[in-house]
Amino acid sequence: MKKLVPLYALLVMALVSFFLWSARLWPFDGHAEPLVVSWEELSVEHDAVRVKGTAHYPVRVSQEREARFGHTGGTWYIFPLFPHGDTMGRKIKVIVATPVPIDDLASFEDMTVDGWALPAAAAMTPASENLFRDSGYSFEENYFVIEAFSPEEGE
């Protein structure tokens, strides 16, 4: 039995490390250098991405996120991102979630977003989707979210 103690300890350490890594908690709380991705290549299979696009702000969606272990809560702002220069698009492939407030006077903005590419369920609720649909937008079948790096995560 004493021979199994190191094996159990190793197994517990591996499970704790996996949990910390998957939740991006200390010591895995930093982020990798974002991969510069073209609009055509952009997908949820990427991890940290950098993409250029045009943000559409006519629909203002914000959500309160609860604080969770290792992460602070607060207000997150959600908006669709389209290919650079596209102000007429209505079929959403990418949603951006960011803790940075949106300028009240902006309708569209060309921007570069650095963040985590995540499944849509990471930030979108049915109520949020309906707000976009009611405003004339539709969603691609496999749309996803880019959760922008917090300003303090910086470059």
N, C-alpha and C. Protein backbone atom coordinates (compact mmCIF):
# COMPACT_ATOMS: atom_id res chain seq x y z
N MET A 1 0.82 -1.21 0.00
CA MET A 1 0.00 0.00 0.00
C MET A 1 0.86 1.26 0.00
N LYS A 2 1.98 1.21 0.74
CA LYS A 2 2.86 2.38 0.81
C LYS A 2 3.45 2.71 -0.56
N LYS A 3 3.55 1.72 -1.43
CA LYS A 3 4.10 1.96 -2.76
C LYS A 3 3.12 2.74 -3.63
N LEU A 4 1.84 2.71 -3.30
CA LEU A 4 0.84 3.42 -4.09
C LEU A 4 0.69 4.89 -3.70
N VAL A 5 1.16 5.28 -2.53
CA VAL A 5 1.01 6.67 -2.06
C VAL A 5 1.64 7.66 -3.04
N PRO A 6 2.88 7.43 -3.52
CA PRO A 6 3.44 8.38 -4.50
C PRO A 6 2.61 8.43 -5.80
N LEU A 7 2.06 7.31 -6.21
CA LEU A 7 1.24 7.28 -7.42
C LEU A 7 -0.02 8.11 -7.22
N TYR A 8 -0.69 7.96 -6.08
CA TYR A 8 -1.89 8.76 -5.78
C TYR A 8 -1.55 10.25 -5.69
N ALA A 9 -0.42 10.56 -5.05
CA ALA A 9 -0.01 11.96 -4.93
C ALA A 9 0.25 12.55 -6.31
N LEU A 10 0.89 11.80 -7.17
CA LEU A 10 1.16 12.26 -8.53
C LEU A 10 -0.15 12.46 -9.30
N LEU A 11 -1.09 11.55 -9.13
CA LEU A 11 -2.38 11.66 -9.80
C LEU A 11 -3.14 12.90 -9.32
N VAL A 12 -3.15 13.16 -8.04
CA VAL A 12 -3.82 14.34 -7.49
C VAL A 12 -3.16 15.61 -8.01
N MET A 13 -1.83 15.66 -8.03
CA MET A 13 -1.13 16.83 -8.55
C MET A 13 -1.46 17.06 -10.02
N ALA A 14 -1.55 15.99 -10.79
CA ALA A 14 -1.88 16.12 -12.21
C ALA A 14 -3.30 16.65 -12.38
N LEU A 15 -4.25 16.17 -11.61
CA LEU A 15 -5.63 16.64 -11.71
C LEU A 15 -5.76 18.10 -11.29
N VAL A 16 -5.09 18.50 -10.22
CA VAL A 16 -5.13 19.90 -9.78
C VAL A 16 -4.48 20.79 -10.84
N SER A 17 -3.36 20.36 -11.39
CA SER A 17 -2.69 21.14 -12.44
C SER A 17 -3.59 21.29 -13.66
N PHE A 18 -4.28 20.22 -14.04
CA PHE A 18 -5.18 20.30 -15.19
C PHE A 18 -6.32 21.28 -14.92
N PHE A 19 -6.89 21.24 -13.72
CA PHE A 19 -7.96 22.18 -13.37
C PHE A 19 -7.45 23.62 -13.44
N LEU A 20 -6.30 23.90 -12.85
CA LEU A 20 -5.74 25.25 -12.86
C LEU A 20 -5.46 25.70 -14.30
N TRP A 21 -4.95 24.81 -15.12
CA TRP A 21 -4.64 25.14 -16.50
C TRP A 21 -5.92 25.41 -17.29
N SER A 22 -6.93 24.55 -17.16
CA SER A 22 -8.15 24.71 -17.96
C SER A 22 -8.95 25.94 -17.53
N ALA A 23 -8.85 26.35 -16.25
CA ALA A 23 -9.55 27.53 -15.78
C ALA A 23 -8.68 28.78 -15.91
N ARG A 24 -7.48 28.63 -16.44
CA ARG A 24 -6.52 29.73 -16.60
C ARG A 24 -6.29 30.47 -15.29
N LEU A 25 -6.04 29.69 -14.25
CA LEU A 25 -5.75 30.23 -12.94
C LEU A 25 -4.26 30.13 -12.68
N TRP A 26 -3.81 30.81 -11.61
CA TRP A 26 -2.39 30.78 -11.27
C TRP A 26 -1.92 29.35 -11.16
N PRO A 27 -0.79 28.97 -11.66
CA PRO A 27 0.26 29.73 -12.34
C PRO A 27 0.10 29.79 -13.86
N PHE A 28 -1.06 29.39 -14.35
CA PHE A 28 -1.32 29.37 -15.79
C PHE A 28 -2.20 30.54 -16.22
N ASP A 29 -2.20 31.64 -15.45
CA ASP A 29 -3.13 32.73 -15.70
C ASP A 29 -2.67 33.72 -16.76
N GLY A 30 -1.51 33.59 -17.27
CA GLY A 30 -1.07 34.46 -18.36
C GLY A 30 -1.66 33.97 -19.66
N HIS A 31 -1.31 34.61 -20.73
CA HIS A 31 -1.78 34.14 -22.03
C HIS A 31 -0.61 34.08 -22.99
N ALA A 32 -0.73 33.20 -23.95
CA ALA A 32 0.29 33.05 -24.97
C ALA A 32 0.25 34.25 -25.91
N GLU A 33 1.29 34.42 -26.66
CA GLU A 33 1.30 35.45 -27.69
C GLU A 33 0.18 35.11 -28.67
N PRO A 34 -0.73 36.04 -28.93
CA PRO A 34 -1.85 35.73 -29.83
C PRO A 34 -1.36 35.40 -31.24
N LEU A 35 -1.99 34.42 -31.83
CA LEU A 35 -1.71 34.01 -33.19
C LEU A 35 -2.46 34.94 -34.14
N VAL A 36 -1.73 35.59 -35.05
CA VAL A 36 -2.37 36.47 -36.03
C VAL A 36 -3.09 35.58 -37.03
N VAL A 37 -4.41 35.77 -37.13
CA VAL A 37 -5.23 34.89 -37.95
C VAL A 37 -6.02 35.74 -38.94
N SER A 38 -6.07 35.27 -40.19
CA SER A 38 -6.90 35.97 -41.18
C SER A 38 -8.36 35.62 -40.91
N TRP A 39 -9.25 36.44 -41.44
CA TRP A 39 -10.68 36.24 -41.20
C TRP A 39 -11.14 34.86 -41.70
N GLU A 40 -10.61 34.41 -42.83
CA GLU A 40 -11.02 33.13 -43.40
C GLU A 40 -10.57 31.96 -42.53
N GLU A 41 -9.41 32.07 -41.88
CA GLU A 41 -8.87 30.98 -41.06
C GLU A 41 -9.43 30.97 -39.64
N LEU A 42 -10.05 32.05 -39.23
CA LEU A 42 -10.50 32.22 -37.85
C LEU A 42 -11.53 31.16 -37.47
N SER A 43 -11.27 30.47 -36.36
CA SER A 43 -12.21 29.45 -35.87
C SER A 43 -11.98 29.24 -34.38
N VAL A 44 -12.87 28.50 -33.77
CA VAL A 44 -12.78 28.24 -32.34
C VAL A 44 -11.64 27.27 -32.02
N GLU A 45 -11.08 26.61 -33.02
CA GLU A 45 -9.97 25.69 -32.78
C GLU A 45 -8.70 26.42 -32.34
N HIS A 46 -8.63 27.72 -32.63
CA HIS A 46 -7.47 28.49 -32.18
C HIS A 46 -7.63 28.81 -30.70
N ASP A 47 -6.53 29.11 -30.05
CA ASP A 47 -6.59 29.44 -28.62
C ASP A 47 -6.53 30.96 -28.48
N ALA A 48 -5.35 31.51 -28.35
CA ALA A 48 -5.18 32.97 -28.28
C ALA A 48 -5.03 33.49 -29.71
N VAL A 49 -5.91 34.44 -30.09
CA VAL A 49 -5.91 34.94 -31.47
C VAL A 49 -5.81 36.46 -31.50
N ARG A 50 -5.34 36.96 -32.63
CA ARG A 50 -5.36 38.39 -32.94
C ARG A 50 -5.99 38.51 -34.32
N VAL A 51 -7.07 39.28 -34.40
CA VAL A 51 -7.78 39.41 -35.66
C VAL A 51 -8.21 40.86 -35.86
N LYS A 52 -8.16 41.31 -37.12
CA LYS A 52 -8.63 42.65 -37.46
C LYS A 52 -10.04 42.53 -38.00
N GLY A 53 -10.86 43.50 -37.62
CA GLY A 53 -12.23 43.48 -38.09
C GLY A 53 -12.93 44.80 -37.81
N THR A 54 -14.21 44.83 -38.13
CA THR A 54 -15.04 46.00 -37.88
C THR A 54 -16.11 45.63 -36.88
N ALA A 55 -16.11 46.34 -35.75
CA ALA A 55 -17.10 46.11 -34.70
C ALA A 55 -18.38 46.84 -35.04
N HIS A 56 -19.51 46.17 -34.81
CA HIS A 56 -20.84 46.75 -35.00
C HIS A 56 -21.42 47.05 -33.62
N TYR A 57 -21.68 48.32 -33.35
CA TYR A 57 -22.20 48.73 -32.04
C TYR A 57 -23.67 49.14 -32.03
N PRO A 58 -24.43 49.05 -33.12
CA PRO A 58 -25.83 49.51 -33.04
C PRO A 58 -26.64 48.79 -31.96
N VAL A 59 -26.33 47.52 -31.70
CA VAL A 59 -27.01 46.78 -30.64
C VAL A 59 -26.08 46.78 -29.43
N ARG A 60 -26.53 47.37 -28.33
CA ARG A 60 -25.71 47.46 -27.11
C ARG A 60 -26.12 46.35 -26.15
N VAL A 61 -25.23 45.39 -25.94
CA VAL A 61 -25.51 44.27 -25.04
C VAL A 61 -24.43 44.26 -23.97
N SER A 62 -24.86 44.20 -22.73
CA SER A 62 -23.91 44.05 -21.62
C SER A 62 -24.44 42.98 -20.70
N GLN A 63 -23.51 42.31 -20.04
CA GLN A 63 -23.88 41.24 -19.11
C GLN A 63 -23.07 41.39 -17.84
N GLU A 64 -23.71 41.10 -16.73
CA GLU A 64 -22.99 41.05 -15.46
C GLU A 64 -22.46 39.64 -15.28
N ARG A 65 -21.16 39.53 -15.07
CA ARG A 65 -20.56 38.23 -14.80
C ARG A 65 -20.24 38.13 -13.33
N GLU A 66 -20.60 37.02 -12.76
CA GLU A 66 -20.31 36.79 -11.34
C GLU A 66 -18.84 36.50 -11.15
N ALA A 67 -18.33 36.90 -10.01
CA ALA A 67 -16.95 36.55 -9.67
C ALA A 67 -16.91 35.04 -9.45
N ARG A 68 -15.84 34.43 -9.89
CA ARG A 68 -15.67 33.00 -9.66
C ARG A 68 -14.25 32.78 -9.19
N PHE A 69 -13.94 31.62 -8.81
CA PHE A 69 -12.64 31.31 -8.25
C PHE A 69 -11.52 31.80 -9.17
N GLY A 70 -10.74 32.75 -8.69
CA GLY A 70 -9.60 33.25 -9.45
C GLY A 70 -9.91 34.33 -10.46
N HIS A 71 -11.18 34.69 -10.64
CA HIS A 71 -11.58 35.70 -11.62
C HIS A 71 -12.53 36.69 -10.96
N THR A 72 -12.34 37.96 -11.30
CA THR A 72 -13.26 38.96 -10.76
C THR A 72 -14.48 39.06 -11.66
N GLY A 73 -15.57 39.48 -11.09
CA GLY A 73 -16.79 39.66 -11.87
C GLY A 73 -16.82 41.06 -12.45
N GLY A 74 -17.98 41.46 -12.94
CA GLY A 74 -18.14 42.81 -13.48
C GLY A 74 -18.96 42.81 -14.74
N THR A 75 -19.04 43.96 -15.36
CA THR A 75 -19.82 44.12 -16.58
C THR A 75 -18.96 43.81 -17.79
N TRP A 76 -19.50 42.99 -18.68
CA TRP A 76 -18.84 42.67 -19.95
C TRP A 76 -19.74 43.17 -21.07
N TYR A 77 -19.13 43.72 -22.10
CA TYR A 77 -19.84 44.29 -23.24
C TYR A 77 -19.66 43.34 -24.43
N ILE A 78 -20.75 43.11 -25.15
CA ILE A 78 -20.75 42.11 -26.22
C ILE A 78 -21.18 42.78 -27.52
N PHE A 79 -20.42 42.51 -28.58
CA PHE A 79 -20.75 43.07 -29.90
C PHE A 79 -20.21 42.15 -31.00
N PRO A 80 -20.83 42.18 -32.17
CA PRO A 80 -20.34 41.36 -33.28
C PRO A 80 -19.14 42.01 -33.96
N LEU A 81 -18.29 41.16 -34.50
CA LEU A 81 -17.12 41.60 -35.27
C LEU A 81 -17.24 41.01 -36.67
N PHE A 82 -17.06 41.85 -37.68
CA PHE A 82 -17.15 41.44 -39.07
C PHE A 82 -15.80 41.67 -39.75
N PRO A 83 -15.61 41.16 -40.97
CA PRO A 83 -14.35 41.41 -41.67
C PRO A 83 -14.05 42.91 -41.73
N HIS A 84 -12.78 43.24 -41.75
CA HIS A 84 -12.33 44.63 -41.75
C HIS A 84 -13.03 45.42 -42.86
N GLY A 85 -13.69 46.53 -42.49
CA GLY A 85 -14.36 47.40 -43.43
C GLY A 85 -15.80 47.04 -43.74
N ASP A 86 -16.29 45.93 -43.21
CA ASP A 86 -17.66 45.48 -43.49
C ASP A 86 -18.65 46.11 -42.51
N THR A 87 -19.40 47.10 -42.97
CA THR A 87 -20.41 47.73 -42.13
C THR A 87 -21.82 47.30 -42.53
N MET A 88 -21.94 46.50 -43.58
CA MET A 88 -23.25 46.08 -44.06
C MET A 88 -23.59 44.63 -43.69
N GLY A 89 -22.61 43.86 -43.22
CA GLY A 89 -22.84 42.45 -42.89
C GLY A 89 -23.88 42.28 -41.80
N ARG A 90 -24.61 41.18 -41.86
CA ARG A 90 -25.62 40.90 -40.85
C ARG A 90 -25.55 39.46 -40.36
N LYS A 91 -24.67 38.63 -40.95
CA LYS A 91 -24.55 37.23 -40.52
C LYS A 91 -23.32 37.13 -39.61
N ILE A 92 -23.56 36.90 -38.33
CA ILE A 92 -22.51 36.96 -37.31
C ILE A 92 -21.73 35.64 -37.25
N LYS A 93 -20.42 35.77 -37.39
CA LYS A 93 -19.49 34.64 -37.22
C LYS A 93 -18.76 34.76 -35.89
N VAL A 94 -18.47 36.01 -35.49
CA VAL A 94 -17.67 36.26 -34.29
C VAL A 94 -18.36 37.29 -33.40
N ILE A 95 -18.44 36.97 -32.12
CA ILE A 95 -18.90 37.91 -31.10
C ILE A 95 -17.69 38.22 -30.23
N VAL A 96 -17.53 39.48 -29.86
CA VAL A 96 -16.44 39.88 -28.96
C VAL A 96 -17.05 40.19 -27.60
N ALA A 97 -16.44 39.66 -26.56
CA ALA A 97 -16.83 39.99 -25.18
C ALA A 97 -15.64 40.68 -24.54
N THR A 98 -15.87 41.87 -23.99
CA THR A 98 -14.78 42.65 -23.42
C THR A 98 -15.25 43.39 -22.17
N PRO A 99 -14.34 43.59 -21.20
CA PRO A 99 -14.70 44.38 -20.03
C PRO A 99 -14.57 45.88 -20.28
N VAL A 100 -14.11 46.27 -21.45
CA VAL A 100 -13.90 47.69 -21.79
C VAL A 100 -15.21 48.27 -22.32
N PRO A 101 -15.71 49.35 -21.70
CA PRO A 101 -16.97 49.95 -22.16
C PRO A 101 -16.87 50.45 -23.60
N ILE A 102 -18.02 50.44 -24.28
CA ILE A 102 -18.11 50.90 -25.66
C ILE A 102 -18.45 52.39 -25.64
N ASP A 103 -17.80 53.16 -26.50
CA ASP A 103 -18.08 54.58 -26.62
C ASP A 103 -19.53 54.78 -27.03
N ASP A 104 -20.25 55.61 -26.31
CA ASP A 104 -21.68 55.84 -26.57
C ASP A 104 -21.96 56.42 -27.95
N LEU A 105 -21.01 57.12 -28.53
CA LEU A 105 -21.23 57.76 -29.83
C LEU A 105 -20.82 56.90 -31.02
N ALA A 106 -20.20 55.75 -30.77
CA ALA A 106 -19.70 54.91 -31.86
C ALA A 106 -20.79 54.01 -32.40
N SER A 107 -20.80 53.82 -33.71
CA SER A 107 -21.69 52.86 -34.35
C SER A 107 -20.89 51.70 -34.94
N PHE A 108 -19.73 52.02 -35.51
CA PHE A 108 -18.83 51.03 -36.09
C PHE A 108 -17.41 51.44 -35.72
N GLU A 109 -16.52 50.46 -35.64
CA GLU A 109 -15.13 50.77 -35.33
C GLU A 109 -14.23 49.69 -35.92
N ASP A 110 -13.22 50.12 -36.68
CA ASP A 110 -12.19 49.19 -37.14
C ASP A 110 -11.26 48.94 -35.97
N MET A 111 -11.00 47.68 -35.68
CA MET A 111 -10.19 47.36 -34.50
C MET A 111 -9.42 46.06 -34.69
N THR A 112 -8.44 45.88 -33.85
CA THR A 112 -7.72 44.63 -33.73
C THR A 112 -8.03 44.06 -32.36
N VAL A 113 -8.48 42.82 -32.32
CA VAL A 113 -8.87 42.18 -31.07
C VAL A 113 -7.89 41.07 -30.74
N ASP A 114 -7.38 41.07 -29.52
CA ASP A 114 -6.57 39.98 -28.98
C ASP A 114 -7.40 39.29 -27.92
N GLY A 115 -7.52 37.98 -27.99
CA GLY A 115 -8.30 37.28 -26.97
C GLY A 115 -8.34 35.79 -27.18
N TRP A 116 -9.14 35.14 -26.33
CA TRP A 116 -9.33 33.70 -26.37
C TRP A 116 -10.50 33.38 -27.30
N ALA A 117 -10.33 32.45 -28.21
CA ALA A 117 -11.42 31.97 -29.06
C ALA A 117 -12.14 30.86 -28.29
N LEU A 118 -13.42 31.10 -27.99
CA LEU A 118 -14.19 30.18 -27.15
C LEU A 118 -15.52 29.83 -27.82
N PRO A 119 -16.13 28.72 -27.42
CA PRO A 119 -17.47 28.41 -27.94
C PRO A 119 -18.45 29.51 -27.55
N ALA A 120 -19.50 29.66 -28.32
CA ALA A 120 -20.47 30.75 -28.11
C ALA A 120 -21.08 30.73 -26.72
N ALA A 121 -21.26 29.57 -26.14
CA ALA A 121 -21.88 29.47 -24.82
C ALA A 121 -21.05 30.15 -23.73
N ALA A 122 -19.80 30.49 -24.02
CA ALA A 122 -18.95 31.14 -23.02
C ALA A 122 -19.45 32.53 -22.68
N ALA A 123 -20.16 33.19 -23.58
CA ALA A 123 -20.61 34.55 -23.29
C ALA A 123 -22.05 34.82 -23.72
N MET A 124 -22.58 34.01 -24.60
CA MET A 124 -23.90 34.31 -25.16
C MET A 124 -25.01 33.54 -24.45
N THR A 125 -26.08 34.25 -24.19
CA THR A 125 -27.29 33.65 -23.63
C THR A 125 -28.38 33.75 -24.69
N PRO A 126 -29.44 32.96 -24.56
CA PRO A 126 -30.54 33.10 -25.53
C PRO A 126 -31.09 34.52 -25.58
N ALA A 127 -31.15 35.21 -24.45
CA ALA A 127 -31.66 36.58 -24.45
C ALA A 127 -30.74 37.50 -25.26
N SER A 128 -29.44 37.33 -25.13
CA SER A 128 -28.49 38.14 -25.90
C SER A 128 -28.63 37.85 -27.39
N GLU A 129 -28.74 36.57 -27.76
CA GLU A 129 -28.92 36.22 -29.16
C GLU A 129 -30.19 36.86 -29.72
N ASN A 130 -31.26 36.82 -28.95
CA ASN A 130 -32.53 37.40 -29.42
C ASN A 130 -32.44 38.91 -29.63
N LEU A 131 -31.66 39.60 -28.81
CA LEU A 131 -31.47 41.04 -29.01
C LEU A 131 -30.85 41.31 -30.38
N PHE A 132 -29.86 40.51 -30.76
CA PHE A 132 -29.23 40.67 -32.08
C PHE A 132 -30.19 40.29 -33.19
N ARG A 133 -30.91 39.18 -33.02
CA ARG A 133 -31.86 38.74 -34.05
C ARG A 133 -32.96 39.77 -34.26
N ASP A 134 -33.45 40.34 -33.17
CA ASP A 134 -34.51 41.35 -33.27
C ASP A 134 -34.03 42.61 -33.99
N SER A 135 -32.72 42.81 -34.05
CA SER A 135 -32.16 43.98 -34.72
C SER A 135 -31.71 43.68 -36.14
N GLY A 136 -32.07 42.51 -36.67
CA GLY A 136 -31.77 42.19 -38.06
C GLY A 136 -30.53 41.36 -38.29
N TYR A 137 -29.86 40.91 -37.26
CA TYR A 137 -28.68 40.07 -37.41
C TYR A 137 -29.11 38.60 -37.38
N SER A 138 -28.28 37.74 -37.95
CA SER A 138 -28.46 36.30 -37.84
C SER A 138 -27.10 35.71 -37.48
N PHE A 139 -27.08 34.44 -37.12
CA PHE A 139 -25.85 33.80 -36.68
C PHE A 139 -25.48 32.66 -37.59
N GLU A 140 -24.17 32.55 -37.89
CA GLU A 140 -23.69 31.37 -38.59
C GLU A 140 -23.89 30.17 -37.66
N GLU A 141 -23.93 29.00 -38.24
CA GLU A 141 -24.20 27.80 -37.45
C GLU A 141 -23.17 27.60 -36.34
N ASN A 142 -21.91 27.80 -36.64
CA ASN A 142 -20.84 27.58 -35.65
C ASN A 142 -20.16 28.88 -35.26
N TYR A 143 -20.94 29.88 -34.91
CA TYR A 143 -20.33 31.13 -34.49
C TYR A 143 -19.66 30.94 -33.14
N PHE A 144 -18.75 31.84 -32.78
CA PHE A 144 -18.02 31.71 -31.53
C PHE A 144 -17.72 33.07 -30.94
N VAL A 145 -17.11 33.06 -29.78
CA VAL A 145 -16.82 34.27 -29.02
C VAL A 145 -15.31 34.45 -28.92
N ILE A 146 -14.87 35.69 -29.06
CA ILE A 146 -13.49 36.03 -28.69
C ILE A 146 -13.60 36.83 -27.40
N GLU A 147 -13.11 36.24 -26.33
CA GLU A 147 -13.10 36.93 -25.05
C GLU A 147 -11.82 37.75 -25.00
N ALA A 148 -11.96 39.05 -25.17
CA ALA A 148 -10.80 39.94 -25.26
C ALA A 148 -9.99 39.89 -23.98
N PHE A 149 -8.68 39.94 -24.14
CA PHE A 149 -7.82 40.00 -22.97
C PHE A 149 -8.14 41.25 -22.18
N SER A 150 -8.14 41.17 -20.88
CA SER A 150 -8.37 42.32 -20.03
C SER A 150 -7.25 43.32 -20.23
N PRO A 151 -7.52 44.60 -20.08
CA PRO A 151 -6.47 45.61 -20.28
C PRO A 151 -5.24 45.36 -19.41
N GLU A 152 -5.42 44.85 -18.19
CA GLU A 152 -4.26 44.61 -17.33
C GLU A 152 -3.43 43.42 -17.79
N GLU A 153 -4.01 42.55 -18.65
CA GLU A 153 -3.24 41.45 -19.20
C GLU A 153 -2.27 41.96 -20.23
N GLY A 154 -2.61 43.08 -20.86
CA GLY A 154 -1.73 43.81 -21.77
C GLY A 154 -0.92 42.96 -22.72
N GLU A 155 0.10 43.60 -23.24
CA GLU A 155 0.95 42.93 -24.22
C GLU A 155 2.23 42.49 -23.59
